[in-house]
Amino acid sequence: MGGNDPHIHVEVKAVHADAAARNVMASTFGLVGDLPSVVATGCGLRVPYAMTSARPDRVTCLACREHARQEHLRFAEEVERLSRMPGSTISPAQGKLAADRHRDLAQEFSSDTES
């Protein structure tokens, strides 16, 4: 972990949002768990959590952008596949909507950054 890395990264688990789960727990039960101070990123570094983002317009590390793009595409395929399985709790139409959203995010991550 370099102290002078100016880039904003993506957590290695780009699709799983620990902060979102934390917010649900806080609003439902009034419990707040601590977020990690240092996290693994898509480019293989460990950086302070504050130097990460799930928003494509904020991520400046090119390797992390590519990692997030691939993760969102993989997740989109998985959601569509699972939604077509018998007994799925979401319909194929709902699965397609979710998959399309993740494909859109993947496209946003593949766009060039300003930096």
Protein backbone atom coordinates (compact mmCIF):
# COMPACT_ATOMS: atom_id res chain seq x y z
CA MET A 1 0.00 0.00 0.00
CA GLY A 2 1.73 3.11 -1.21
CA GLY A 3 0.97 6.26 0.71
CA ASN A 4 1.34 8.43 -2.39
CA ASP A 5 -1.01 6.55 -4.76
CA PRO A 6 -3.36 9.24 -6.09
CA HIS A 7 -5.75 6.79 -7.81
CA ILE A 8 -9.24 5.81 -6.78
CA HIS A 9 -9.66 2.04 -6.93
CA VAL A 10 -12.42 -0.58 -6.97
CA GLU A 11 -12.74 -3.21 -4.27
CA VAL A 12 -11.86 -6.71 -5.46
CA LYS A 13 -15.50 -7.72 -4.88
CA ALA A 14 -16.79 -4.99 -7.19
CA VAL A 15 -20.38 -6.25 -7.33
CA HIS A 16 -20.80 -6.91 -3.61
CA ALA A 17 -21.39 -3.70 -1.69
CA ASP A 18 -20.39 -3.99 1.98
CA ALA A 19 -21.41 -0.39 2.57
CA ALA A 20 -24.90 -1.07 1.19
CA ALA A 21 -25.30 -4.08 3.49
CA ARG A 22 -24.09 -1.95 6.39
CA ASN A 23 -26.72 0.71 5.59
CA VAL A 24 -29.50 -1.90 5.48
CA MET A 25 -28.45 -3.26 8.87
CA ALA A 26 -28.28 0.24 10.32
CA SER A 27 -31.71 1.25 9.03
CA THR A 28 -33.35 -2.07 9.97
CA PHE A 29 -31.82 -2.86 13.34
CA GLY A 30 -29.98 0.28 14.38
CA LEU A 31 -26.73 -1.70 14.32
CA VAL A 32 -23.67 -0.37 12.57
CA GLY A 33 -20.68 -2.56 11.79
CA ASP A 34 -17.31 -1.06 11.06
CA LEU A 35 -16.09 -1.00 7.50
CA PRO A 36 -12.53 -2.22 6.99
CA SER A 37 -9.88 0.49 6.98
CA VAL A 38 -7.85 -1.22 4.25
CA VAL A 39 -9.30 -3.31 1.39
CA ALA A 40 -8.04 -5.44 -1.48
CA THR A 41 -8.61 -3.89 -4.91
CA GLY A 42 -9.20 -5.16 -8.42
CA CYS A 43 -5.63 -4.25 -9.41
CA GLY A 44 -4.15 -6.30 -6.56
CA LEU A 45 -3.21 -3.47 -4.19
CA ARG A 46 -4.41 -2.97 -0.64
CA VAL A 47 -5.54 0.61 -0.16
CA PRO A 48 -7.52 2.60 2.41
CA TYR A 49 -11.26 2.04 2.00
CA ALA A 50 -11.62 5.80 1.51
CA MET A 51 -9.59 5.49 -1.72
CA THR A 52 -12.17 3.19 -3.34
CA SER A 53 -15.43 3.78 -5.14
CA ALA A 54 -18.08 1.71 -6.88
CA ARG A 55 -18.99 4.64 -9.15
CA PRO A 56 -17.40 4.45 -12.62
CA ASP A 57 -17.00 8.22 -12.86
CA ARG A 58 -14.80 8.25 -9.75
CA VAL A 59 -12.46 5.30 -10.40
CA THR A 60 -9.14 6.41 -11.90
CA CYS A 61 -7.09 3.19 -11.69
CA LEU A 62 -7.27 1.66 -15.17
CA ALA A 63 -6.63 -1.90 -13.94
CA CYS A 64 -9.45 -1.54 -11.40
CA ARG A 65 -11.79 -0.17 -14.08
CA GLU A 66 -11.11 -3.24 -16.23
CA HIS A 67 -11.60 -5.54 -13.24
CA ALA A 68 -14.95 -3.91 -12.40
CA ARG A 69 -16.04 -4.10 -16.05
CA GLN A 70 -15.35 -7.84 -16.14
CA GLU A 71 -17.02 -8.43 -12.77
CA HIS A 72 -20.21 -6.64 -13.83
CA LEU A 73 -20.33 -8.56 -17.13
CA ARG A 74 -19.80 -11.86 -15.30
CA PHE A 75 -22.51 -11.00 -12.78
CA ALA A 76 -24.94 -10.00 -15.56
CA GLU A 77 -24.51 -13.41 -17.22
CA GLU A 78 -24.99 -15.19 -13.89
CA VAL A 79 -28.17 -13.27 -13.03
CA GLU A 80 -29.70 -14.00 -16.43
CA ARG A 81 -28.80 -17.68 -16.22
CA LEU A 82 -30.16 -18.08 -12.70
CA SER A 83 -33.38 -16.20 -13.48
CA ARG A 84 -34.20 -18.78 -16.19
CA MET A 85 -33.81 -21.74 -13.84
CA PRO A 86 -36.93 -23.50 -12.56
CA GLY A 87 -37.87 -22.29 -9.09
CA SER A 88 -36.04 -18.98 -9.41
CA THR A 89 -37.41 -16.24 -7.16
CA ILE A 90 -36.99 -13.69 -9.93
CA SER A 91 -38.54 -13.90 -13.37
CA PRO A 92 -36.49 -13.95 -16.57
CA ALA A 93 -37.76 -10.41 -17.27
CA GLN A 94 -36.53 -9.20 -13.87
CA GLY A 95 -33.23 -11.01 -14.44
CA LYS A 96 -32.83 -9.30 -17.80
CA LEU A 97 -33.46 -5.87 -16.22
CA ALA A 98 -30.82 -6.51 -13.55
CA ALA A 99 -28.39 -7.93 -16.12
CA ASP A 100 -28.91 -4.93 -18.39
CA ARG A 101 -28.11 -2.59 -15.49
CA HIS A 102 -24.86 -4.44 -14.81
CA ARG A 103 -23.96 -4.40 -18.50
CA ASP A 104 -24.55 -0.64 -18.49
CA LEU A 105 -22.22 -0.32 -15.49
CA ALA A 106 -19.63 -2.44 -17.28
CA GLN A 107 -19.85 -0.09 -20.26
CA GLU A 108 -19.38 2.91 -17.95
CA PHE A 109 -16.26 1.32 -16.48
CA SER A 110 -14.84 0.74 -19.96
CA SER A 111 -15.13 4.46 -20.81
CA ASP A 112 -11.98 6.55 -20.56
CA THR A 113 -11.37 8.62 -17.46
CA GLU A 114 -10.45 12.29 -17.33
CA SER A 115 -7.13 11.64 -15.59
